[in-house]
């Protein structure tokens, strides 16, 4: 568990921004690491705000991260290793088909579960009343 809470404030112009707040009064600034595919990003900044125990986090998204597929960025407290937040970039034409296929598969699985649950409810009702 982390001693900090991170809240996204905006994601614009290739920069993900958030507000990091220490849980305890007088908490010192943490070391934050942001990784993409387990590789730490460069250029991440943590700037103290006017409020004590609050810092503005700025994560520049590298150009290399923009392309077909899904890229997930993980933001962690470097000392504890606790995950503070994450965000993803999704792009590309091929992704449309992938998402549609995944949604179709999820719908089919949900229908299967609904049928099995309804059958279970019917069977349970018969054994109790019978």
Protein backbone atom coordinates (compact mmCIF):
# COMPACT_ATOMS: atom_id res chain seq x y z
CA UNK A 1 0.00 0.00 0.00
CA UNK A 2 1.27 3.43 -0.88
CA UNK A 3 1.42 6.52 1.30
CA UNK A 4 0.34 8.56 -1.72
CA UNK A 5 -2.74 9.04 -3.88
CA UNK A 6 -2.38 9.96 -7.54
CA UNK A 7 -5.24 11.56 -9.46
CA UNK A 8 -5.11 12.25 -13.20
CA UNK A 9 -5.75 15.91 -13.97
CA UNK A 10 -5.42 15.79 -17.77
CA UNK A 11 -3.81 14.09 -20.74
CA UNK A 12 -3.12 16.57 -23.52
CA UNK A 13 -0.45 17.39 -26.11
CA UNK A 14 1.47 14.22 -25.36
CA UNK A 15 1.70 14.87 -21.61
CA UNK A 16 -0.11 12.90 -18.94
CA UNK A 17 -0.53 15.03 -15.82
CA UNK A 18 -1.65 14.18 -12.34
CA UNK A 19 -1.74 15.41 -8.76
CA UNK A 20 0.11 13.32 -6.19
CA UNK A 21 -0.97 13.78 -2.57
CA UNK A 22 0.74 12.38 0.52
CA UNK A 23 -1.61 10.51 2.87
CA UNK A 24 0.11 11.75 6.02
CA UNK A 25 0.82 15.33 6.91
CA UNK A 26 4.45 16.30 6.32
CA UNK A 27 5.05 13.48 3.85
CA UNK A 28 8.17 14.07 1.81
CA UNK A 29 8.25 13.96 -1.98
CA UNK A 30 8.42 10.40 -3.27
CA UNK A 31 10.54 9.12 -6.09
CA UNK A 32 8.15 8.23 -8.89
CA UNK A 33 9.03 5.91 -11.74
CA UNK A 34 6.94 5.53 -14.90
CA UNK A 35 7.55 2.48 -17.06
CA UNK A 36 6.52 1.42 -20.54
CA UNK A 37 7.06 -2.29 -21.17
CA UNK A 38 9.17 -2.43 -17.99
CA UNK A 39 11.50 0.32 -19.25
CA UNK A 40 11.61 3.56 -17.20
CA UNK A 41 10.66 6.73 -19.08
CA UNK A 42 12.89 9.77 -19.14
CA UNK A 43 11.68 13.31 -18.58
CA UNK A 44 9.15 12.53 -15.84
CA UNK A 45 8.92 15.48 -13.45
CA UNK A 46 7.46 15.90 -9.99
CA UNK A 47 6.97 19.53 -8.95
CA UNK A 48 5.92 20.73 -5.52
CA UNK A 49 2.65 22.70 -5.52
CA UNK A 50 1.56 25.52 -3.22
CA UNK A 51 -0.23 22.96 -1.02
CA UNK A 52 2.08 21.10 1.39
CA UNK A 53 2.23 17.38 0.65
CA UNK A 54 1.03 17.81 -2.97
CA UNK A 55 3.06 17.48 -6.15
CA UNK A 56 2.26 17.91 -9.83
CA UNK A 57 3.37 14.92 -11.90
CA UNK A 58 4.14 15.39 -15.60
CA UNK A 59 4.73 12.34 -17.80
CA UNK A 60 5.79 13.11 -21.38
CA UNK A 61 4.75 10.34 -23.76
CA UNK A 62 7.67 9.48 -26.03
CA UNK A 63 7.05 9.47 -29.78
CA UNK A 64 8.25 5.86 -29.90
CA UNK A 65 5.24 4.83 -27.80
CA UNK A 66 2.74 6.02 -30.41
CA UNK A 67 1.82 3.36 -32.95
CA UNK A 68 -0.41 0.40 -33.67
CA UNK A 69 -1.58 -1.53 -30.66
CA UNK A 70 -1.92 -0.89 -26.95
CA UNK A 71 0.82 0.72 -24.85
CA UNK A 72 0.40 0.69 -21.08
CA UNK A 73 2.27 3.10 -18.84
CA UNK A 74 2.60 2.16 -15.17
CA UNK A 75 3.28 4.80 -12.50
CA UNK A 76 4.89 3.49 -9.31
CA UNK A 77 6.30 4.72 -6.03
CA UNK A 78 9.96 3.77 -6.55
CA UNK A 79 10.62 3.13 -2.85
CA UNK A 80 7.67 0.85 -2.04
CA UNK A 81 7.02 -0.40 -5.57
CA UNK A 82 3.31 0.36 -5.09
CA UNK A 83 1.35 1.09 -8.25
CA UNK A 84 0.00 4.62 -8.05
CA UNK A 85 -1.82 4.61 -11.39
CA UNK A 86 -1.57 3.57 -15.02
CA UNK A 87 -2.77 4.78 -18.39
CA UNK A 88 -2.89 3.33 -21.87
CA UNK A 89 -2.60 4.52 -25.45
CA UNK A 90 -4.63 2.60 -28.02
CA UNK A 91 -4.11 3.29 -31.71
CA UNK A 92 -4.11 1.84 -35.19
CA UNK A 93 -6.45 0.42 -37.79
CA UNK A 94 -5.82 -3.20 -36.91
CA UNK A 95 -6.93 -2.47 -33.38
CA UNK A 96 -10.52 -1.82 -34.50
CA UNK A 97 -10.90 -5.43 -35.61
CA UNK A 98 -9.17 -6.70 -32.48
CA UNK A 99 -11.53 -4.75 -30.22
CA UNK A 100 -14.60 -5.85 -32.13
CA UNK A 101 -13.47 -9.47 -31.95
CA UNK A 102 -12.79 -9.19 -28.21
CA UNK A 103 -16.19 -7.58 -27.58
CA UNK A 104 -17.89 -10.27 -29.63
CA UNK A 105 -16.08 -12.96 -27.65
CA UNK A 106 -17.00 -11.31 -24.35
CA UNK A 107 -20.67 -11.11 -25.40
CA UNK A 108 -20.69 -14.78 -26.33
CA UNK A 109 -19.11 -15.74 -22.99
CA UNK A 110 -21.60 -13.55 -21.12
CA UNK A 111 -24.50 -15.21 -22.94
CA UNK A 112 -23.10 -18.62 -22.02
CA UNK A 113 -22.79 -17.59 -18.37
CA UNK A 114 -26.33 -16.18 -18.34
CA UNK A 115 -27.75 -19.42 -19.73
CA UNK A 116 -25.78 -21.51 -17.23
CA UNK A 117 -26.87 -19.29 -14.33
CA UNK A 118 -30.53 -19.43 -15.37
CA UNK A 119 -30.33 -23.22 -15.66
CA UNK A 120 -28.70 -23.40 -12.24
CA UNK A 121 -31.51 -21.28 -10.76
CA UNK A 122 -34.14 -23.52 -12.36
CA UNK A 123 -32.40 -26.67 -11.12
CA UNK A 124 -32.01 -25.25 -7.61
CA UNK A 125 -35.70 -24.33 -7.49
CA UNK A 126 -36.72 -27.86 -8.53
CA UNK A 127 -34.60 -29.55 -5.87
CA UNK A 128 -35.95 -27.34 -3.09
CA UNK A 129 -39.60 -27.71 -4.04
CA UNK A 130 -39.34 -31.35 -5.14
